Amino acid sequence: MPRIRAENAIRVGYTGAAPFAFDTGDGVTGASAEFAKRVVARLGIARIDWVRTSFGDLIAGVRAGRYDLAASGMFITAARRHVAAFSDPYLRVSLGLLVKAGNPLDLHSPQDLLVRTAARVVVLRGSVEERDLERRGLSPSRVLRVNSTEEGRNTVARGRADVLLLALPSVRAMVGDGLEAVAARSDSPGDLPTHDIAFVFAPDQPALLRAWNAAQGEILGTNAHRTAIAPFGFADADIPK
């Protein structure tokens, strides 16, 4: 943290994806961005320098030192823990599907894609959804990989794919113009699986991560946290307990 303290500024990578961290023209906002601002203020750091990147570059960028942490709604996974460090989770979300209005192919889960073999799917490069489809054995010829949520939305809107798999809050932010969001059903009996979201750090920055977790822990679940995420469609049920 010496450079951060010396400059009184911290660099934060983001992908421009609503509702987590996106640029409105008047600055970066979103549930992840606004919560990060409150943590940074608690740390006593005066300024955030936002660095926009692609989703697939989030971890590589933080490891290379292009920014100090990433704030873009990234899920914590065992595979990612091998190459990056995560803060304590601050949101918990489920999977969503972005489809054409009326859901013409009746898609409600990744499992449906194995049955409806005509369905073409788009995913973010490097995402959990991409890995899940690979694990399920979906034909690579049916999967389009893109670098941004905006590109994914446009791919469905223009008819180049039938469904975009992404976090439910993200697809809900994309509805309109003939597109609708579907909350994914569980593939098996029981509750629908959820994913914890956290800020991403380089493994060689343990002091920064400890300081961040301490400051974040003072805000997690408080009115300040709720105020940060509420304008973007999140509620108490979306905060890990």
C-alpha atoms as a PDB file:
ATOM      1  CA  MET A   1       0.000   0.000   0.000  1.00  0.00           C
ATOM      2  CA  PRO A   2       2.908   2.519   0.105  1.00  0.00           C
ATOM      3  CA  ARG A   3       2.213   3.847  -3.410  1.00  0.00           C
ATOM      4  CA  ILE A   4      -1.517   4.137  -2.695  1.00  0.00           C
ATOM      5  CA  ARG A   5      -0.821   6.102   0.494  1.00  0.00           C
ATOM      6  CA  ALA A   6       1.794   8.281  -1.214  1.00  0.00           C
ATOM      7  CA  GLU A   7      -0.530   9.169  -4.095  1.00  0.00           C
ATOM      8  CA  ASN A   8      -3.666   9.142  -1.900  1.00  0.00           C
ATOM      9  CA  ALA A   9      -5.333   7.301  -4.805  1.00  0.00           C
ATOM     10  CA  ILE A  10      -6.273   3.733  -5.676  1.00  0.00           C
ATOM     11  CA  ARG A  11      -6.716   2.254  -9.156  1.00  0.00           C
ATOM     12  CA  VAL A  12      -9.829   0.137  -9.671  1.00  0.00           C
ATOM     13  CA  GLY A  13     -10.469  -1.990 -12.768  1.00  0.00           C
ATOM     14  CA  TYR A  14     -14.020  -2.356 -14.089  1.00  0.00           C
ATOM     15  CA  THR A  15     -15.737  -3.624 -17.232  1.00  0.00           C
ATOM     16  CA  GLY A  16     -18.532  -1.130 -17.810  1.00  0.00           C
ATOM     17  CA  ALA A  17     -21.245  -3.694 -17.053  1.00  0.00           C
ATOM     18  CA  ALA A  18     -24.508  -2.631 -15.412  1.00  0.00           C
ATOM     19  CA  PRO A  19     -25.597  -2.974 -12.680  1.00  0.00           C
ATOM     20  CA  PHE A  20     -22.164  -3.571 -11.109  1.00  0.00           C
ATOM     21  CA  ALA A  21     -19.760  -0.916 -12.449  1.00  0.00           C
ATOM     22  CA  PHE A  22     -20.424   1.235 -15.505  1.00  0.00           C
ATOM     23  CA  ASP A  23     -19.746   4.740 -16.786  1.00  0.00           C
ATOM     24  CA  THR A  24     -22.699   7.106 -17.140  1.00  0.00           C
ATOM     25  CA  GLY A  25     -20.665   9.932 -18.643  1.00  0.00           C
ATOM     26  CA  ASP A  26     -20.680  11.667 -15.270  1.00  0.00           C
ATOM     27  CA  GLY A  27     -18.535   9.011 -13.634  1.00  0.00           C
ATOM     28  CA  VAL A  28     -18.481   5.320 -12.765  1.00  0.00           C
ATOM     29  CA  THR A  29     -21.410   3.988 -10.757  1.00  0.00           C
ATOM     30  CA  GLY A  30     -23.176   0.680 -10.038  1.00  0.00           C
ATOM     31  CA  ALA A  31     -23.607  -1.584  -7.035  1.00  0.00           C
ATOM     32  CA  SER A  32     -19.952  -2.675  -6.985  1.00  0.00           C
ATOM     33  CA  ALA A  33     -18.626   0.802  -7.754  1.00  0.00           C
ATOM     34  CA  GLU A  34     -20.701   2.587  -5.128  1.00  0.00           C
ATOM     35  CA  PHE A  35     -19.823   0.052  -2.445  1.00  0.00           C
ATOM     36  CA  ALA A  36     -16.146   0.318  -3.411  1.00  0.00           C
ATOM     37  CA  LYS A  37     -16.349   4.107  -3.029  1.00  0.00           C
ATOM     38  CA  ARG A  38     -17.571   3.689   0.540  1.00  0.00           C
ATOM     39  CA  VAL A  39     -14.802   1.223   1.386  1.00  0.00           C
ATOM     40  CA  VAL A  40     -12.184   3.538  -0.130  1.00  0.00           C
ATOM     41  CA  ALA A  41     -13.526   6.430   1.931  1.00  0.00           C
ATOM     42  CA  ARG A  42     -13.337   4.268   5.066  1.00  0.00           C
ATOM     43  CA  LEU A  43      -9.684   3.568   4.210  1.00  0.00           C
ATOM     44  CA  GLY A  44      -9.060   7.302   4.096  1.00  0.00           C
ATOM     45  CA  ILE A  45      -8.031   7.306   0.430  1.00  0.00           C
ATOM     46  CA  ALA A  46      -9.045  10.476  -1.397  1.00  0.00           C
ATOM     47  CA  ARG A  47      -9.374   9.352  -5.017  1.00  0.00           C
ATOM     48  CA  ILE A  48     -10.294   6.364  -7.196  1.00  0.00           C
ATOM     49  CA  ASP A  49      -8.720   6.142 -10.633  1.00  0.00           C
ATOM     50  CA  TRP A  50     -11.062   3.934 -12.668  1.00  0.00           C
ATOM     51  CA  VAL A  51      -9.495   1.719 -15.354  1.00  0.00           C
ATOM     52  CA  ARG A  52     -11.864   0.177 -17.882  1.00  0.00           C
ATOM     53  CA  THR A  53     -10.978  -3.265 -19.242  1.00  0.00           C
ATOM     54  CA  SER A  54     -12.593  -6.432 -20.622  1.00  0.00           C
ATOM     55  CA  PHE A  55     -14.012  -9.091 -18.313  1.00  0.00           C
ATOM     56  CA  GLY A  56     -11.418 -11.616 -19.448  1.00  0.00           C
ATOM     57  CA  ASP A  57      -8.616  -9.193 -18.532  1.00  0.00           C
ATOM     58  CA  LEU A  58      -9.771  -8.427 -14.971  1.00  0.00           C
ATOM     59  CA  ILE A  59      -7.572 -10.961 -13.223  1.00  0.00           C
ATOM     60  CA  ALA A  60      -4.624 -10.575 -15.605  1.00  0.00           C
ATOM     61  CA  GLY A  61      -4.746  -6.817 -15.160  1.00  0.00           C
ATOM     62  CA  VAL A  62      -4.760  -6.906 -11.386  1.00  0.00           C
ATOM     63  CA  ARG A  63      -1.922  -9.458 -11.365  1.00  0.00           C
ATOM     64  CA  ALA A  64       0.108  -7.251 -13.724  1.00  0.00           C
ATOM     65  CA  GLY A  65      -0.445  -4.196 -11.523  1.00  0.00           C
ATOM     66  CA  ARG A  66      -2.453  -2.194 -14.058  1.00  0.00           C
ATOM     67  CA  TYR A  67      -4.914  -1.562 -11.221  1.00  0.00           C
ATOM     68  CA  ASP A  68      -4.947  -2.361  -7.513  1.00  0.00           C
ATOM     69  CA  LEU A  69      -8.238  -4.248  -7.460  1.00  0.00           C
ATOM     70  CA  ALA A  70     -11.141  -5.102  -9.739  1.00  0.00           C
ATOM     71  CA  ALA A  71     -14.782  -4.243  -9.041  1.00  0.00           C
ATOM     72  CA  SER A  72     -17.005  -5.776 -11.687  1.00  0.00           C
ATOM     73  CA  GLY A  73     -19.320  -8.368 -10.174  1.00  0.00           C
ATOM     74  CA  MET A  74     -16.895 -11.296 -10.445  1.00  0.00           C
ATOM     75  CA  PHE A  75     -17.932 -14.621  -8.905  1.00  0.00           C
ATOM     76  CA  ILE A  76     -15.615 -16.342  -6.455  1.00  0.00           C
ATOM     77  CA  THR A  77     -14.622 -19.777  -7.767  1.00  0.00           C
ATOM     78  CA  ALA A  78     -12.055 -22.370  -6.726  1.00  0.00           C
ATOM     79  CA  ALA A  79     -10.253 -22.043 -10.072  1.00  0.00           C
ATOM     80  CA  ARG A  80      -9.984 -18.268  -9.770  1.00  0.00           C
ATOM     81  CA  ARG A  81      -8.617 -18.567  -6.236  1.00  0.00           C
ATOM     82  CA  HIS A  82      -5.563 -20.271  -7.744  1.00  0.00           C
ATOM     83  CA  VAL A  83      -4.617 -17.112  -9.636  1.00  0.00           C
ATOM     84  CA  ALA A  84      -6.225 -14.240  -7.704  1.00  0.00           C
ATOM     85  CA  ALA A  85      -7.171 -13.199  -4.182  1.00  0.00           C
ATOM     86  CA  PHE A  86     -10.709 -12.192  -3.280  1.00  0.00           C
ATOM     87  CA  SER A  87     -12.158  -9.916  -0.667  1.00  0.00           C
ATOM     88  CA  ASP A  88     -14.897 -11.177   1.579  1.00  0.00           C
ATOM     89  CA  PRO A  89     -18.083 -11.440  -0.527  1.00  0.00           C
ATOM     90  CA  TYR A  90     -20.374  -8.419  -0.591  1.00  0.00           C
ATOM     91  CA  LEU A  91     -23.166  -9.657  -2.911  1.00  0.00           C
ATOM     92  CA  ARG A  92     -24.776 -13.001  -3.687  1.00  0.00           C
ATOM     93  CA  VAL A  93     -26.580 -13.554  -6.993  1.00  0.00           C
ATOM     94  CA  SER A  94     -28.101 -16.298  -9.127  1.00  0.00           C
ATOM     95  CA  LEU A  95     -27.920 -17.022 -12.853  1.00  0.00           C
ATOM     96  CA  GLY A  96     -30.104 -15.336 -15.442  1.00  0.00           C
ATOM     97  CA  LEU A  97     -30.843 -15.793 -19.134  1.00  0.00           C
ATOM     98  CA  LEU A  98     -31.381 -12.981 -21.622  1.00  0.00           C
ATOM     99  CA  VAL A  99     -33.719 -14.108 -24.406  1.00  0.00           C
ATOM    100  CA  LYS A 100     -36.018 -12.661 -27.033  1.00  0.00           C
ATOM    101  CA  ALA A 101     -39.383 -11.495 -25.712  1.00  0.00           C
ATOM    102  CA  GLY A 102     -41.706 -14.424 -25.121  1.00  0.00           C
ATOM    103  CA  ASN A 103     -38.749 -16.801 -24.690  1.00  0.00           C
ATOM    104  CA  PRO A 104     -39.511 -18.597 -27.990  1.00  0.00           C
ATOM    105  CA  LEU A 105     -37.199 -21.552 -27.273  1.00  0.00           C
ATOM    106  CA  ASP A 106     -38.503 -21.934 -23.701  1.00  0.00           C
ATOM    107  CA  LEU A 107     -35.064 -21.707 -22.130  1.00  0.00           C
ATOM    108  CA  HIS A 108     -34.875 -21.680 -18.331  1.00  0.00           C
ATOM    109  CA  SER A 109     -31.501 -23.212 -17.401  1.00  0.00           C
ATOM    110  CA  PRO A 110     -28.153 -24.274 -18.883  1.00  0.00           C
ATOM    111  CA  GLN A 111     -29.473 -27.835 -18.879  1.00  0.00           C
ATOM    112  CA  ASP A 112     -32.172 -26.802 -21.369  1.00  0.00           C
ATOM    113  CA  LEU A 113     -29.426 -26.039 -23.868  1.00  0.00           C
ATOM    114  CA  LEU A 114     -28.495 -29.725 -23.981  1.00  0.00           C
ATOM    115  CA  VAL A 115     -32.052 -30.604 -24.968  1.00  0.00           C
ATOM    116  CA  ARG A 116     -32.813 -27.725 -27.330  1.00  0.00           C
ATOM    117  CA  THR A 117     -29.904 -28.337 -29.650  1.00  0.00           C
ATOM    118  CA  ALA A 118     -30.856 -25.534 -32.039  1.00  0.00           C
ATOM    119  CA  ALA A 119     -30.264 -22.907 -29.372  1.00  0.00           C
ATOM    120  CA  ARG A 120     -27.191 -20.735 -29.805  1.00  0.00           C
ATOM    121  CA  VAL A 121     -25.702 -19.251 -26.650  1.00  0.00           C
ATOM    122  CA  VAL A 122     -23.404 -16.315 -25.965  1.00  0.00           C
ATOM    123  CA  VAL A 123     -21.177 -15.981 -22.887  1.00  0.00           C
ATOM    124  CA  LEU A 124     -18.474 -13.658 -21.629  1.00  0.00           C
ATOM    125  CA  ARG A 125     -14.969 -14.891 -22.338  1.00  0.00           C
ATOM    126  CA  GLY A 126     -13.467 -16.163 -19.080  1.00  0.00           C
ATOM    127  CA  SER A 127     -16.805 -16.332 -17.266  1.00  0.00           C
ATOM    128  CA  VAL A 128     -18.213 -18.996 -14.968  1.00  0.00           C
ATOM    129  CA  GLU A 129     -20.956 -19.583 -17.536  1.00  0.00           C
ATOM    130  CA  GLU A 130     -18.389 -20.332 -20.249  1.00  0.00           C
ATOM    131  CA  ARG A 131     -16.693 -22.923 -18.019  1.00  0.00           C
ATOM    132  CA  ASP A 132     -20.033 -24.449 -17.070  1.00  0.00           C
ATOM    133  CA  LEU A 133     -21.033 -25.015 -20.703  1.00  0.00           C
ATOM    134  CA  GLU A 134     -17.653 -26.609 -21.392  1.00  0.00           C
ATOM    135  CA  ARG A 135     -18.156 -28.911 -18.410  1.00  0.00           C
ATOM    136  CA  ARG A 136     -21.600 -29.898 -19.667  1.00  0.00           C
ATOM    137  CA  GLY A 137     -20.148 -30.797 -23.060  1.00  0.00           C
ATOM    138  CA  LEU A 138     -22.088 -28.267 -25.135  1.00  0.00           C
ATOM    139  CA  SER A 139     -20.796 -28.218 -28.695  1.00  0.00           C
ATOM    140  CA  PRO A 140     -18.313 -25.326 -29.136  1.00  0.00           C
ATOM    141  CA  SER A 141     -19.975 -24.532 -32.452  1.00  0.00           C
ATOM    142  CA  ARG A 142     -23.076 -23.396 -30.556  1.00  0.00           C
ATOM    143  CA  VAL A 143     -21.225 -21.059 -28.183  1.00  0.00           C
ATOM    144  CA  LEU A 144     -20.196 -17.508 -29.013  1.00  0.00           C
ATOM    145  CA  ARG A 145     -17.670 -15.839 -26.712  1.00  0.00           C
ATOM    146  CA  VAL A 146     -17.599 -12.069 -26.349  1.00  0.00           C
ATOM    147  CA  ASN A 147     -15.560  -9.543 -24.366  1.00  0.00           C
ATOM    148  CA  SER A 148     -18.316  -7.374 -22.886  1.00  0.00           C
ATOM    149  CA  THR A 149     -21.887  -7.548 -21.647  1.00  0.00           C
ATOM    150  CA  GLU A 150     -22.890  -4.947 -24.223  1.00  0.00           C
ATOM    151  CA  GLU A 151     -21.548  -7.151 -27.020  1.00  0.00           C
ATOM    152  CA  GLY A 152     -23.425 -10.108 -25.515  1.00  0.00           C
ATOM    153  CA  ARG A 153     -26.699  -8.201 -25.422  1.00  0.00           C
ATOM    154  CA  ASN A 154     -26.272  -7.023 -29.012  1.00  0.00           C
ATOM    155  CA  THR A 155     -25.558 -10.584 -30.138  1.00  0.00           C
ATOM    156  CA  VAL A 156     -28.959 -11.723 -28.865  1.00  0.00           C
ATOM    157  CA  ALA A 157     -30.771  -8.580 -30.021  1.00  0.00           C
ATOM    158  CA  ARG A 158     -29.458  -9.021 -33.576  1.00  0.00           C
ATOM    159  CA  GLY A 159     -30.387 -12.700 -33.703  1.00  0.00           C
ATOM    160  CA  ARG A 160     -26.853 -14.088 -33.800  1.00  0.00           C
ATOM    161  CA  ALA A 161     -27.573 -16.020 -30.581  1.00  0.00           C
ATOM    162  CA  ASP A 162     -30.733 -17.123 -28.794  1.00  0.00           C
ATOM    163  CA  VAL A 163     -29.632 -16.620 -25.198  1.00  0.00           C
ATOM    164  CA  LEU A 164     -27.025 -14.835 -23.117  1.00  0.00           C
ATOM    165  CA  LEU A 165     -26.051 -16.516 -19.827  1.00  0.00           C
ATOM    166  CA  LEU A 166     -25.004 -14.076 -17.133  1.00  0.00           C
ATOM    167  CA  ALA A 167     -25.710 -13.039 -13.541  1.00  0.00           C
ATOM    168  CA  LEU A 168     -29.426 -12.342 -13.126  1.00  0.00           C
ATOM    169  CA  PRO A 169     -28.949  -8.685 -12.081  1.00  0.00           C
ATOM    170  CA  SER A 170     -26.935  -8.104 -15.263  1.00  0.00           C
ATOM    171  CA  VAL A 171     -29.548  -9.534 -17.617  1.00  0.00           C
ATOM    172  CA  ARG A 172     -32.308  -7.635 -15.809  1.00  0.00           C
ATOM    173  CA  ALA A 173     -30.409  -4.458 -16.608  1.00  0.00           C
ATOM    174  CA  MET A 174     -30.577  -5.366 -20.320  1.00  0.00           C
ATOM    175  CA  VAL A 175     -34.312  -5.887 -20.815  1.00  0.00           C
ATOM    176  CA  GLY A 176     -36.247  -3.874 -23.378  1.00  0.00           C
ATOM    177  CA  ASP A 177     -36.222  -3.530 -27.152  1.00  0.00           C
ATOM    178  CA  GLY A 178     -37.606  -7.035 -27.594  1.00  0.00           C
ATOM    179  CA  LEU A 179     -35.483  -8.725 -24.912  1.00  0.00           C
ATOM    180  CA  GLU A 180     -36.505 -10.183 -21.555  1.00  0.00           C
ATOM    181  CA  ALA A 181     -34.756 -11.665 -18.528  1.00  0.00           C
ATOM    182  CA  VAL A 182     -35.434 -15.161 -17.187  1.00  0.00           C
ATOM    183  CA  ALA A 183     -34.363 -16.264 -13.713  1.00  0.00           C
ATOM    184  CA  ALA A 184     -32.617 -19.612 -14.107  1.00  0.00           C
ATOM    185  CA  ARG A 185     -34.257 -22.690 -12.655  1.00  0.00           C
ATOM    186  CA  SER A 186     -32.277 -25.242 -10.720  1.00  0.00           C
ATOM    187  CA  ASP A 187     -31.216 -28.247 -12.787  1.00  0.00           C
ATOM    188  CA  SER A 188     -31.994 -30.516  -9.838  1.00  0.00           C
ATOM    189  CA  PRO A 189     -34.351 -30.473  -6.845  1.00  0.00           C
ATOM    190  CA  GLY A 190     -33.487 -27.928  -4.203  1.00  0.00           C
ATOM    191  CA  ASP A 191     -32.602 -24.278  -4.100  1.00  0.00           C
ATOM    192  CA  LEU A 192     -31.198 -22.540  -7.139  1.00  0.00           C
ATOM    193  CA  PRO A 193     -27.409 -22.265  -6.780  1.00  0.00           C
ATOM    194  CA  THR A 194     -26.092 -18.792  -5.987  1.00  0.00           C
ATOM    195  CA  HIS A 195     -22.691 -17.206  -6.476  1.00  0.00           C
ATOM    196  CA  ASP A 196     -20.770 -14.940  -4.135  1.00  0.00           C
ATOM    197  CA  ILE A 197     -19.359 -11.748  -5.636  1.00  0.00           C
ATOM    198  CA  ALA A 198     -16.196 -10.100  -4.328  1.00  0.00           C
ATOM    199  CA  PHE A 199     -13.516  -7.594  -5.206  1.00  0.00           C
ATOM    200  CA  VAL A 200     -10.422  -9.069  -6.889  1.00  0.00           C
ATOM    201  CA  PHE A 201      -6.826  -8.510  -5.763  1.00  0.00           C
ATOM    202  CA  ALA A 202      -3.389  -9.698  -6.788  1.00  0.00           C
ATOM    203  CA  PRO A 203      -2.132 -12.600  -4.644  1.00  0.00           C
ATOM    204  CA  ASP A 204       1.053 -10.661  -3.808  1.00  0.00           C
ATOM    205  CA  GLN A 205      -0.833  -7.794  -2.132  1.00  0.00           C
ATOM    206  CA  PRO A 206      -1.935  -9.332   1.192  1.00  0.00           C
ATOM    207  CA  ALA A 207      -1.588  -6.088   3.154  1.00  0.00           C
ATOM    208  CA  LEU A 208      -3.965  -4.276   0.802  1.00  0.00           C
ATOM    209  CA  LEU A 209      -6.431  -7.160   0.953  1.00  0.00           C
ATOM    210  CA  ARG A 210      -6.351  -7.238   4.772  1.00  0.00           C
ATOM    211  CA  ALA A 211      -6.915  -3.501   4.998  1.00  0.00           C
ATOM    212  CA  TRP A 212      -9.736  -3.683   2.456  1.00  0.00           C
ATOM    213  CA  ASN A 213     -11.494  -6.548   4.259  1.00  0.00           C
ATOM    214  CA  ALA A 214     -11.251  -4.716   7.576  1.00  0.00           C
ATOM    215  CA  ALA A 215     -12.800  -1.558   6.122  1.00  0.00           C
ATOM    216  CA  GLN A 216     -15.388  -3.507   4.134  1.00  0.00           C
ATOM    217  CA  GLY A 217     -16.372  -5.478   7.224  1.00  0.00           C
ATOM    218  CA  GLU A 218     -17.283  -2.249   9.005  1.00  0.00           C
ATOM    219  CA  ILE A 219     -19.784  -1.428   6.246  1.00  0.00           C
ATOM    220  CA  LEU A 220     -21.105  -4.838   5.145  1.00  0.00           C
ATOM    221  CA  GLY A 221     -24.829  -5.135   5.851  1.00  0.00           C
ATOM    222  CA  THR A 222     -25.136  -1.587   7.209  1.00  0.00           C
ATOM    223  CA  ASN A 223     -27.344   1.207   5.907  1.00  0.00           C
ATOM    224  CA  ALA A 224     -24.334   2.472   3.963  1.00  0.00           C
ATOM    225  CA  HIS A 225     -24.128  -0.861   2.142  1.00  0.00           C
ATOM    226  CA  ARG A 226     -27.866  -0.957   1.468  1.00  0.00           C
ATOM    227  CA  THR A 227     -27.808   2.620   0.209  1.00  0.00           C
ATOM    228  CA  ALA A 228     -24.976   1.774  -2.164  1.00  0.00           C
ATOM    229  CA  ILE A 229     -26.705  -1.184  -3.817  1.00  0.00           C
ATOM    230  CA  ALA A 230     -30.436  -0.358  -3.616  1.00  0.00           C
ATOM    231  CA  PRO A 231     -30.584   1.954  -6.687  1.00  0.00           C
ATOM    232  CA  PHE A 232     -29.320  -0.945  -8.812  1.00  0.00           C
ATOM    233  CA  GLY A 233     -31.998  -3.479  -7.854  1.00  0.00           C
ATOM    234  CA  PHE A 234     -30.308  -5.199  -4.903  1.00  0.00           C
ATOM    235  CA  ALA A 235     -31.819  -5.761  -1.468  1.00  0.00           C
ATOM    236  CA  ASP A 236     -30.974  -7.281   1.928  1.00  0.00           C
ATOM    237  CA  ALA A 237     -31.483 -10.791   0.545  1.00  0.00           C
ATOM    238  CA  ASP A 238     -28.579 -10.194  -1.858  1.00  0.00           C
ATOM    239  CA  ILE A 239     -26.079  -9.431   0.929  1.00  0.00           C
ATOM    240  CA  PRO A 240     -24.151 -12.459   2.256  1.00  0.00           C
ATOM    241  CA  LYS A 241     -24.759 -13.035   5.953  1.00  0.00           C
END
